[in-house]
Amino acid sequence: MVEGRWTDPTKTPAIDWTASAALENVERGGQDVAEVTNLNGAVRAWLLLEPQHKASAVLTVEHPIQLDGIATTSFSGETIAALAEHLPNVPQDR
């Protein structure tokens, strides 16, 4: 008997968390300034945002990331949340 799987790892291959990324549309110090960092840092910064800022934030990466079978370089709202689920060692209470 073969054990079933709920997720298909080929739809979300290993993510390069060190890739350059920018978190945009987030007000910092009264200005809308993009935070340029690595993907890991950008997603973790998004997790710390207030809900209204999470909703307007846009995350862009230098190379396409395949998430659930779809390759993209731009994430927002629920797609950033889905990406965050793949972060290594992320607290589950966020």
PDB file of N, CA and C in Angstrom:
ATOM      1  N   MET A   1       0.844  -1.181   0.000  1.00  0.00           N
ATOM      2  CA  MET A   1       0.000   0.000   0.000  1.00  0.00           C
ATOM      3  C   MET A   1       0.887   1.242   0.000  1.00  0.00           C
ATOM      4  N   VAL A   2       0.540   2.213  -0.803  1.00  0.00           N
ATOM      5  CA  VAL A   2       1.306   3.454  -0.906  1.00  0.00           C
ATOM      6  C   VAL A   2       0.665   4.510  -0.017  1.00  0.00           C
ATOM      7  N   GLU A   3       1.507   5.202   0.756  1.00  0.00           N
ATOM      8  CA  GLU A   3       1.008   6.256   1.627  1.00  0.00           C
ATOM      9  C   GLU A   3       0.659   7.492   0.801  1.00  0.00           C
ATOM     10  N   GLY A   4      -0.510   8.070   1.042  1.00  0.00           N
ATOM     11  CA  GLY A   4      -0.932   9.270   0.309  1.00  0.00           C
ATOM     12  C   GLY A   4      -0.274  10.523   0.837  1.00  0.00           C
ATOM     13  N   ARG A   5      -0.178  11.538  -0.027  1.00  0.00           N
ATOM     14  CA  ARG A   5       0.362  12.836   0.369  1.00  0.00           C
ATOM     15  C   ARG A   5      -0.664  13.909   0.046  1.00  0.00           C
ATOM     16  N   TRP A   6      -0.735  14.901   0.931  1.00  0.00           N
ATOM     17  CA  TRP A   6      -1.667  15.996   0.723  1.00  0.00           C
ATOM     18  C   TRP A   6      -1.063  17.094  -0.135  1.00  0.00           C
ATOM     19  N   THR A   7       0.263  17.201  -0.139  1.00  0.00           N
ATOM     20  CA  THR A   7       0.913  18.241  -0.931  1.00  0.00           C
ATOM     21  C   THR A   7       1.860  17.607  -1.926  1.00  0.00           C
ATOM     22  N   ASP A   8       2.086  18.294  -3.011  1.00  0.00           N
ATOM     23  CA  ASP A   8       2.988  17.821  -4.050  1.00  0.00           C
ATOM     24  C   ASP A   8       4.246  18.681  -4.007  1.00  0.00           C
ATOM     25  N   PRO A   9       5.388  18.125  -3.546  1.00  0.00           N
ATOM     26  CA  PRO A   9       6.603  18.925  -3.420  1.00  0.00           C
ATOM     27  C   PRO A   9       7.114  19.469  -4.751  1.00  0.00           C
ATOM     28  N   THR A  10       6.704  18.897  -5.870  1.00  0.00           N
ATOM     29  CA  THR A  10       7.159  19.410  -7.161  1.00  0.00           C
ATOM     30  C   THR A  10       6.460  20.728  -7.509  1.00  0.00           C
ATOM     31  N   LYS A  11       5.338  21.022  -6.841  1.00  0.00           N
ATOM     32  CA  LYS A  11       4.642  22.279  -7.095  1.00  0.00           C
ATOM     33  C   LYS A  11       5.286  23.448  -6.352  1.00  0.00           C
ATOM     34  N   THR A  12       6.039  23.168  -5.307  1.00  0.00           N
ATOM     35  CA  THR A  12       6.772  24.195  -4.571  1.00  0.00           C
ATOM     36  C   THR A  12       8.171  23.671  -4.289  1.00  0.00           C
ATOM     37  N   PRO A  13       9.073  23.801  -5.279  1.00  0.00           N
ATOM     38  CA  PRO A  13      10.445  23.341  -5.057  1.00  0.00           C
ATOM     39  C   PRO A  13      11.146  24.210  -4.018  1.00  0.00           C
ATOM     40  N   ALA A  14      12.345  23.834  -3.638  1.00  0.00           N
ATOM     41  CA  ALA A  14      13.108  24.578  -2.633  1.00  0.00           C
ATOM     42  C   ALA A  14      13.152  26.062  -2.987  1.00  0.00           C
ATOM     43  N   ILE A  15      12.931  26.887  -1.983  1.00  0.00           N
ATOM     44  CA  ILE A  15      12.913  28.340  -2.164  1.00  0.00           C
ATOM     45  C   ILE A  15      14.257  28.894  -1.718  1.00  0.00           C
ATOM     46  N   ASP A  16      14.832  29.792  -2.525  1.00  0.00           N
ATOM     47  CA  ASP A  16      16.092  30.446  -2.174  1.00  0.00           C
ATOM     48  C   ASP A  16      15.778  31.654  -1.302  1.00  0.00           C
ATOM     49  N   TRP A  17      15.857  31.485   0.011  1.00  0.00           N
ATOM     50  CA  TRP A  17      15.516  32.537   0.953  1.00  0.00           C
ATOM     51  C   TRP A  17      16.558  33.652   0.992  1.00  0.00           C
ATOM     52  N   THR A  18      17.708  33.448   0.322  1.00  0.00           N
ATOM     53  CA  THR A  18      18.744  34.481   0.295  1.00  0.00           C
ATOM     54  C   THR A  18      18.605  35.395  -0.928  1.00  0.00           C
ATOM     55  N   ALA A  19      17.667  35.116  -1.814  1.00  0.00           N
ATOM     56  CA  ALA A  19      17.469  35.939  -3.016  1.00  0.00           C
ATOM     57  C   ALA A  19      17.071  37.365  -2.629  1.00  0.00           C
ATOM     58  N   SER A  20      17.486  38.333  -3.431  1.00  0.00           N
ATOM     59  CA  SER A  20      17.128  39.731  -3.181  1.00  0.00           C
ATOM     60  C   SER A  20      15.623  39.912  -3.308  1.00  0.00           C
ATOM     61  N   ALA A  21      15.064  40.734  -2.410  1.00  0.00           N
ATOM     62  CA  ALA A  21      13.627  40.993  -2.408  1.00  0.00           C
ATOM     63  C   ALA A  21      13.370  42.406  -1.901  1.00  0.00           C
ATOM     64  N   ALA A  22      12.249  42.958  -2.302  1.00  0.00           N
ATOM     65  CA  ALA A  22      11.832  44.277  -1.827  1.00  0.00           C
ATOM     66  C   ALA A  22      10.408  44.179  -1.296  1.00  0.00           C
ATOM     67  N   LEU A  23      10.202  44.769  -0.131  1.00  0.00           N
ATOM     68  CA  LEU A  23       8.870  44.861   0.460  1.00  0.00           C
ATOM     69  C   LEU A  23       8.417  46.302   0.260  1.00  0.00           C
ATOM     70  N   GLU A  24       7.378  46.484  -0.548  1.00  0.00           N
ATOM     71  CA  GLU A  24       6.945  47.818  -0.955  1.00  0.00           C
ATOM     72  C   GLU A  24       5.530  48.126  -0.481  1.00  0.00           C
ATOM     73  N   ASN A  25       5.143  49.396  -0.640  1.00  0.00           N
ATOM     74  CA  ASN A  25       3.826  49.898  -0.257  1.00  0.00           C
ATOM     75  C   ASN A  25       3.585  49.802   1.245  1.00  0.00           C
ATOM     76  N   VAL A  26       4.660  49.951   2.018  1.00  0.00           N
ATOM     77  CA  VAL A  26       4.561  49.928   3.469  1.00  0.00           C
ATOM     78  C   VAL A  26       5.140  51.247   3.978  1.00  0.00           C
ATOM     79  N   GLU A  27       4.345  51.994   4.737  1.00  0.00           N
ATOM     80  CA  GLU A  27       4.797  53.281   5.246  1.00  0.00           C
ATOM     81  C   GLU A  27       5.826  53.081   6.350  1.00  0.00           C
ATOM     82  N   ARG A  28       6.937  53.798   6.225  1.00  0.00           N
ATOM     83  CA  ARG A  28       8.002  53.768   7.228  1.00  0.00           C
ATOM     84  C   ARG A  28       8.379  55.208   7.539  1.00  0.00           C
ATOM     85  N   GLY A  29       8.192  55.617   8.769  1.00  0.00           N
ATOM     86  CA  GLY A  29       8.538  56.976   9.159  1.00  0.00           C
ATOM     87  C   GLY A  29       7.796  58.043   8.379  1.00  0.00           C
ATOM     88  N   GLY A  30       6.539  57.792   8.036  1.00  0.00           N
ATOM     89  CA  GLY A  30       5.742  58.755   7.306  1.00  0.00           C
ATOM     90  C   GLY A  30       5.963  58.749   5.804  1.00  0.00           C
ATOM     91  N   GLN A  31       6.832  57.878   5.312  1.00  0.00           N
ATOM     92  CA  GLN A  31       7.114  57.788   3.881  1.00  0.00           C
ATOM     93  C   GLN A  31       6.932  56.361   3.401  1.00  0.00           C
ATOM     94  N   ASP A  32       6.581  56.218   2.131  1.00  0.00           N
ATOM     95  CA  ASP A  32       6.472  54.897   1.517  1.00  0.00           C
ATOM     96  C   ASP A  32       7.822  54.568   0.896  1.00  0.00           C
ATOM     97  N   VAL A  33       8.641  53.832   1.649  1.00  0.00           N
ATOM     98  CA  VAL A  33       9.995  53.495   1.209  1.00  0.00           C
ATOM     99  C   VAL A  33      10.118  51.978   1.144  1.00  0.00           C
ATOM    100  N   ALA A  34      10.570  51.484   0.004  1.00  0.00           N
ATOM    101  CA  ALA A  34      10.742  50.032  -0.142  1.00  0.00           C
ATOM    102  C   ALA A  34      11.883  49.546   0.751  1.00  0.00           C
ATOM    103  N   GLU A  35      11.669  48.407   1.383  1.00  0.00           N
ATOM    104  CA  GLU A  35      12.718  47.755   2.167  1.00  0.00           C
ATOM    105  C   GLU A  35      13.340  46.700   1.271  1.00  0.00           C
ATOM    106  N   VAL A  36      14.612  46.892   0.931  1.00  0.00           N
ATOM    107  CA  VAL A  36      15.314  45.943   0.076  1.00  0.00           C
ATOM    108  C   VAL A  36      16.196  45.081   0.967  1.00  0.00           C
ATOM    109  N   THR A  37      15.990  43.794   0.874  1.00  0.00           N
ATOM    110  CA  THR A  37      16.675  42.838   1.735  1.00  0.00           C
ATOM    111  C   THR A  37      16.661  41.496   1.030  1.00  0.00           C
ATOM    112  N   ASN A  38      16.842  40.416   1.787  1.00  0.00           N
ATOM    113  CA  ASN A  38      16.682  39.093   1.180  1.00  0.00           C
ATOM    114  C   ASN A  38      15.241  38.625   1.395  1.00  0.00           C
ATOM    115  N   LEU A  39      14.866  37.587   0.697  1.00  0.00           N
ATOM    116  CA  LEU A  39      13.496  37.089   0.760  1.00  0.00           C
ATOM    117  C   LEU A  39      13.099  36.704   2.183  1.00  0.00           C
ATOM    118  N   ASN A  40      13.987  36.064   2.900  1.00  0.00           N
ATOM    119  CA  ASN A  40      13.723  35.671   4.279  1.00  0.00           C
ATOM    120  C   ASN A  40      13.383  36.896   5.122  1.00  0.00           C
ATOM    121  N   GLY A  41      14.207  37.930   5.046  1.00  0.00           N
ATOM    122  CA  GLY A  41      13.991  39.139   5.827  1.00  0.00           C
ATOM    123  C   GLY A  41      12.717  39.865   5.439  1.00  0.00           C
ATOM    124  N   ALA A  42      12.418  39.913   4.150  1.00  0.00           N
ATOM    125  CA  ALA A  42      11.221  40.605   3.680  1.00  0.00           C
ATOM    126  C   ALA A  42       9.950  39.910   4.161  1.00  0.00           C
ATOM    127  N   VAL A  43       9.921  38.590   4.079  1.00  0.00           N
ATOM    128  CA  VAL A  43       8.727  37.852   4.523  1.00  0.00           C
ATOM    129  C   VAL A  43       8.570  37.969   6.035  1.00  0.00           C
ATOM    130  N   ARG A  44       9.657  37.874   6.775  1.00  0.00           N
ATOM    131  CA  ARG A  44       9.582  38.020   8.236  1.00  0.00           C
ATOM    132  C   ARG A  44       9.138  39.435   8.615  1.00  0.00           C
ATOM    133  N   ALA A  45       9.604  40.455   7.887  1.00  0.00           N
ATOM    134  CA  ALA A  45       9.168  41.831   8.148  1.00  0.00           C
ATOM    135  C   ALA A  45       7.664  41.963   7.881  1.00  0.00           C
ATOM    136  N   TRP A  46       7.176  41.322   6.825  1.00  0.00           N
ATOM    137  CA  TRP A  46       5.752  41.354   6.507  1.00  0.00           C
ATOM    138  C   TRP A  46       4.935  40.726   7.637  1.00  0.00           C
ATOM    139  N   LEU A  47       5.437  39.641   8.216  1.00  0.00           N
ATOM    140  CA  LEU A  47       4.722  38.973   9.305  1.00  0.00           C
ATOM    141  C   LEU A  47       4.511  39.889  10.507  1.00  0.00           C
ATOM    142  N   LEU A  48       5.394  40.869  10.693  1.00  0.00           N
ATOM    143  CA  LEU A  48       5.325  41.768  11.843  1.00  0.00           C
ATOM    144  C   LEU A  48       4.444  42.997  11.596  1.00  0.00           C
ATOM    145  N   LEU A  49       3.971  43.186  10.376  1.00  0.00           N
ATOM    146  CA  LEU A  49       3.161  44.357  10.041  1.00  0.00           C
ATOM    147  C   LEU A  49       1.761  44.282  10.643  1.00  0.00           C
ATOM    148  N   GLU A  50       1.174  45.454  10.835  1.00  0.00           N
ATOM    149  CA  GLU A  50      -0.226  45.546  11.235  1.00  0.00           C
ATOM    150  C   GLU A  50      -1.083  45.057  10.063  1.00  0.00           C
ATOM    151  N   PRO A  51      -2.274  44.528  10.323  1.00  0.00           N
ATOM    152  CA  PRO A  51      -3.114  43.976   9.252  1.00  0.00           C
ATOM    153  C   PRO A  51      -3.352  44.916   8.063  1.00  0.00           C
ATOM    154  N   GLN A  52      -3.583  46.200   8.318  1.00  0.00           N
ATOM    155  CA  GLN A  52      -3.840  47.114   7.206  1.00  0.00           C
ATOM    156  C   GLN A  52      -2.602  47.299   6.328  1.00  0.00           C
ATOM    157  N   HIS A  53      -1.415  47.216   6.923  1.00  0.00           N
ATOM    158  CA  HIS A  53      -0.180  47.326   6.145  1.00  0.00           C
ATOM    159  C   HIS A  53       0.109  46.027   5.395  1.00  0.00           C
ATOM    160  N   LYS A  54      -0.230  44.895   5.999  1.00  0.00           N
ATOM    161  CA  LYS A  54      -0.075  43.608   5.306  1.00  0.00           C
ATOM    162  C   LYS A  54      -0.912  43.589   4.031  1.00  0.00           C
ATOM    163  N   ALA A  55      -2.118  44.137   4.121  1.00  0.00           N
ATOM    164  CA  ALA A  55      -3.036  44.110   2.985  1.00  0.00           C
ATOM    165  C   ALA A  55      -2.528  44.919   1.798  1.00  0.00           C
ATOM    166  N   SER A  56      -1.803  45.999   2.055  1.00  0.00           N
ATOM    167  CA  SER A  56      -1.338  46.850   0.956  1.00  0.00           C
ATOM    168  C   SER A  56       0.093  46.539   0.505  1.00  0.00           C
ATOM    169  N   ALA A  57       0.813  45.736   1.256  1.00  0.00           N
ATOM    170  CA  ALA A  57       2.216  45.443   0.941  1.00  0.00           C
ATOM    171  C   ALA A  57       2.350  44.596  -0.328  1.00  0.00           C
ATOM    172  N   VAL A  58       3.434  44.845  -1.042  1.00  0.00           N
ATOM    173  CA  VAL A  58       3.797  44.062  -2.225  1.00  0.00           C
ATOM    174  C   VAL A  58       5.229  43.609  -2.055  1.00  0.00           C
ATOM    175  N   LEU A  59       5.468  42.329  -2.278  1.00  0.00           N
ATOM    176  CA  LEU A  59       6.803  41.753  -2.178  1.00  0.00           C
ATOM    177  C   LEU A  59       7.256  41.350  -3.581  1.00  0.00           C
ATOM    178  N   THR A  60       8.408  41.849  -4.004  1.00  0.00           N
ATOM    179  CA  THR A  60       8.939  41.466  -5.309  1.00  0.00           C
ATOM    180  C   THR A  60      10.303  40.820  -5.111  1.00  0.00           C
ATOM    181  N   VAL A  61      10.591  39.841  -5.941  1.00  0.00           N
ATOM    182  CA  VAL A  61      11.861  39.115  -5.856  1.00  0.00           C
ATOM    183  C   VAL A  61      12.590  39.174  -7.197  1.00  0.00           C
ATOM    184  N   GLU A  62      13.909  38.970  -7.140  1.00  0.00           N
ATOM    185  CA  GLU A  62      14.718  39.102  -8.354  1.00  0.00           C
ATOM    186  C   GLU A  62      14.511  37.968  -9.343  1.00  0.00           C
ATOM    187  N   HIS A  63      14.178  36.778  -8.867  1.00  0.00           N
ATOM    188  CA  HIS A  63      13.960  35.615  -9.732  1.00  0.00           C
ATOM    189  C   HIS A  63      12.611  34.999  -9.392  1.00  0.00           C
ATOM    190  N   PRO A  64      11.905  34.450 -10.363  1.00  0.00           N
ATOM    191  CA  PRO A  64      10.602  33.835 -10.072  1.00  0.00           C
ATOM    192  C   PRO A  64      10.703  32.728  -9.026  1.00  0.00           C
ATOM    193  N   ILE A  65       9.696  32.672  -8.200  1.00  0.00           N
ATOM    194  CA  ILE A  65       9.566  31.619  -7.192  1.00  0.00           C
ATOM    195  C   ILE A  65       8.348  30.808  -7.571  1.00  0.00           C
ATOM    196  N   GLN A  66       8.493  29.498  -7.541  1.00  0.00           N
ATOM    197  CA  GLN A  66       7.370  28.620  -7.839  1.00  0.00           C
ATOM    198  C   GLN A  66       6.704  28.237  -6.532  1.00  0.00           C
ATOM    199  N   LEU A  67       5.448  28.627  -6.399  1.00  0.00           N
ATOM    200  CA  LEU A  67       4.674  28.362  -5.195  1.00  0.00           C
ATOM    201  C   LEU A  67       3.355  27.720  -5.622  1.00  0.00           C
ATOM    202  N   ASP A  68       3.128  26.503  -5.175  1.00  0.00           N
ATOM    203  CA  ASP A  68       1.918  25.751  -5.536  1.00  0.00           C
ATOM    204  C   ASP A  68       1.740  25.648  -7.050  1.00  0.00           C
ATOM    205  N   GLY A  69       2.852  25.468  -7.749  1.00  0.00           N
ATOM    206  CA  GLY A  69       2.810  25.237  -9.188  1.00  0.00           C
ATOM    207  C   GLY A  69       2.791  26.486 -10.045  1.00  0.00           C
ATOM    208  N   ILE A  70       2.800  27.664  -9.431  1.00  0.00           N
ATOM    209  CA  ILE A  70       2.758  28.917 -10.184  1.00  0.00           C
ATOM    210  C   ILE A  70       4.032  29.710  -9.908  1.00  0.00           C
ATOM    211  N   ALA A  71       4.727  30.123 -10.977  1.00  0.00           N
ATOM    212  CA  ALA A  71       5.956  30.906 -10.833  1.00  0.00           C
ATOM    213  C   ALA A  71       5.619  32.387 -10.938  1.00  0.00           C
ATOM    214  N   THR A  72       6.131  33.185 -10.000  1.00  0.00           N
ATOM    215  CA  THR A  72       5.889  34.623 -10.006  1.00  0.00           C
ATOM    216  C   THR A  72       7.036  35.369  -9.346  1.00  0.00           C
ATOM    217  N   THR A  73       7.135  36.647  -9.639  1.00  0.00           N
ATOM    218  CA  THR A  73       8.134  37.502  -8.994  1.00  0.00           C
ATOM    219  C   THR A  73       7.472  38.546  -8.100  1.00  0.00           C
ATOM    220  N   SER A  74       6.144  38.525  -7.997  1.00  0.00           N
ATOM    221  CA  SER A  74       5.428  39.517  -7.200  1.00  0.00           C
ATOM    222  C   SER A  74       4.361  38.830  -6.345  1.00  0.00           C
ATOM    223  N   PHE A  75       4.340  39.190  -5.078  1.00  0.00           N
ATOM    224  CA  PHE A  75       3.407  38.596  -4.120  1.00  0.00           C
ATOM    225  C   PHE A  75       2.702  39.713  -3.360  1.00  0.00           C
ATOM    226  N   SER A  76       1.469  39.474  -2.949  1.00  0.00           N
ATOM    227  CA  SER A  76       0.750  40.426  -2.103  1.00  0.00           C
ATOM    228  C   SER A  76      -0.252  39.663  -1.243  1.00  0.00           C
ATOM    229  N   GLY A  77      -0.625  40.269  -0.122  1.00  0.00           N
ATOM    230  CA  GLY A  77      -1.648  39.714   0.755  1.00  0.00           C
ATOM    231  C   GLY A  77      -1.522  38.228   1.040  1.00  0.00           C
ATOM    232  N   GLU A  78      -2.527  37.483   0.597  1.00  0.00           N
ATOM    233  CA  GLU A  78      -2.588  36.046   0.875  1.00  0.00           C
ATOM    234  C   GLU A  78      -1.434  35.269   0.231  1.00  0.00           C
ATOM    235  N   THR A  79      -0.899  35.771  -0.872  1.00  0.00           N
ATOM    236  CA  THR A  79       0.214  35.045  -1.491  1.00  0.00           C
ATOM    237  C   THR A  79       1.488  35.207  -0.680  1.00  0.00           C
ATOM    238  N   ILE A  80       1.659  36.352   0.012  1.00  0.00           N
ATOM    239  CA  ILE A  80       2.805  36.489   0.924  1.00  0.00           C
ATOM    240  C   ILE A  80       2.593  35.563   2.120  1.00  0.00           C
ATOM    241  N   ALA A  81       1.359  35.484   2.603  1.00  0.00           N
ATOM    242  CA  ALA A  81       1.052  34.582   3.716  1.00  0.00           C
ATOM    243  C   ALA A  81       1.352  33.133   3.334  1.00  0.00           C
ATOM    244  N   ALA A  82       1.004  32.744   2.113  1.00  0.00           N
ATOM    245  CA  ALA A  82       1.288  31.384   1.647  1.00  0.00           C
ATOM    246  C   ALA A  82       2.793  31.149   1.561  1.00  0.00           C
ATOM    247  N   LEU A  83       3.525  32.150   1.117  1.00  0.00           N
ATOM    248  CA  LEU A  83       4.980  32.052   1.053  1.00  0.00           C
ATOM    249  C   LEU A  83       5.562  31.921   2.463  1.00  0.00           C
ATOM    250  N   ALA A  84       5.003  32.668   3.407  1.00  0.00           N
ATOM    251  CA  ALA A  84       5.473  32.628   4.797  1.00  0.00           C
ATOM    252  C   ALA A  84       5.328  31.237   5.412  1.00  0.00           C
ATOM    253  N   GLU A  85       4.349  30.481   4.960  1.00  0.00           N
ATOM    254  CA  GLU A  85       4.161  29.123   5.479  1.00  0.00           C
ATOM    255  C   GLU A  85       5.350  28.222   5.166  1.00  0.00           C
ATOM    256  N   HIS A  86       6.158  28.611   4.189  1.00  0.00           N
ATOM    257  CA  HIS A  86       7.322  27.810   3.797  1.00  0.00           C
ATOM    258  C   HIS A  86       8.610  28.286   4.452  1.00  0.00           C
ATOM    259  N   LEU A  87       8.534  29.378   5.234  1.00  0.00           N
ATOM    260  CA  LEU A  87       9.731  29.876   5.918  1.00  0.00           C
ATOM    261  C   LEU A  87      10.262  28.826   6.879  1.00  0.00           C
ATOM    262  N   PRO A  88      11.574  28.668   6.918  1.00  0.00           N
ATOM    263  CA  PRO A  88      12.127  27.752   7.912  1.00  0.00           C
ATOM    264  C   PRO A  88      12.036  28.368   9.309  1.00  0.00           C
ATOM    265  N   ASN A  89      11.606  27.580  10.282  1.00  0.00           N
ATOM    266  CA  ASN A  89      11.554  27.972  11.687  1.00  0.00           C
ATOM    267  C   ASN A  89      10.709  29.208  11.973  1.00  0.00           C
ATOM    268  N   VAL A  90       9.566  29.338  11.323  1.00  0.00           N
ATOM    269  CA  VAL A  90       8.679  30.464  11.593  1.00  0.00           C
ATOM    270  C   VAL A  90       7.747  30.101  12.745  1.00  0.00           C
ATOM    271  N   PRO A  91       7.560  31.013  13.718  1.00  0.00           N
ATOM    272  CA  PRO A  91       6.618  30.730  14.805  1.00  0.00           C
ATOM    273  C   PRO A  91       5.210  30.547  14.253  1.00  0.00           C
ATOM    274  N   GLN A  92       4.456  29.605  14.788  1.00  0.00           N
ATOM    275  CA  GLN A  92       3.122  29.295  14.274  1.00  0.00           C
ATOM    276  C   GLN A  92       2.031  30.180  14.847  1.00  0.00           C
ATOM    277  N   ASP A  93       2.361  31.097  15.777  1.00  0.00           N
ATOM    278  CA  ASP A  93       1.339  31.929  16.407  1.00  0.00           C
ATOM    279  C   ASP A  93       1.137  33.259  15.720  1.00  0.00           C
ATOM    280  N   ARG A  94       1.607  33.443  14.525  1.00  0.00           N
ATOM    281  CA  ARG A  94       1.466  34.727  13.802  1.00  0.00           C
ATOM    282  C   ARG A  94       0.225  34.725  12.962  1.00  0.00           C
TER     283      ARG A  94
END
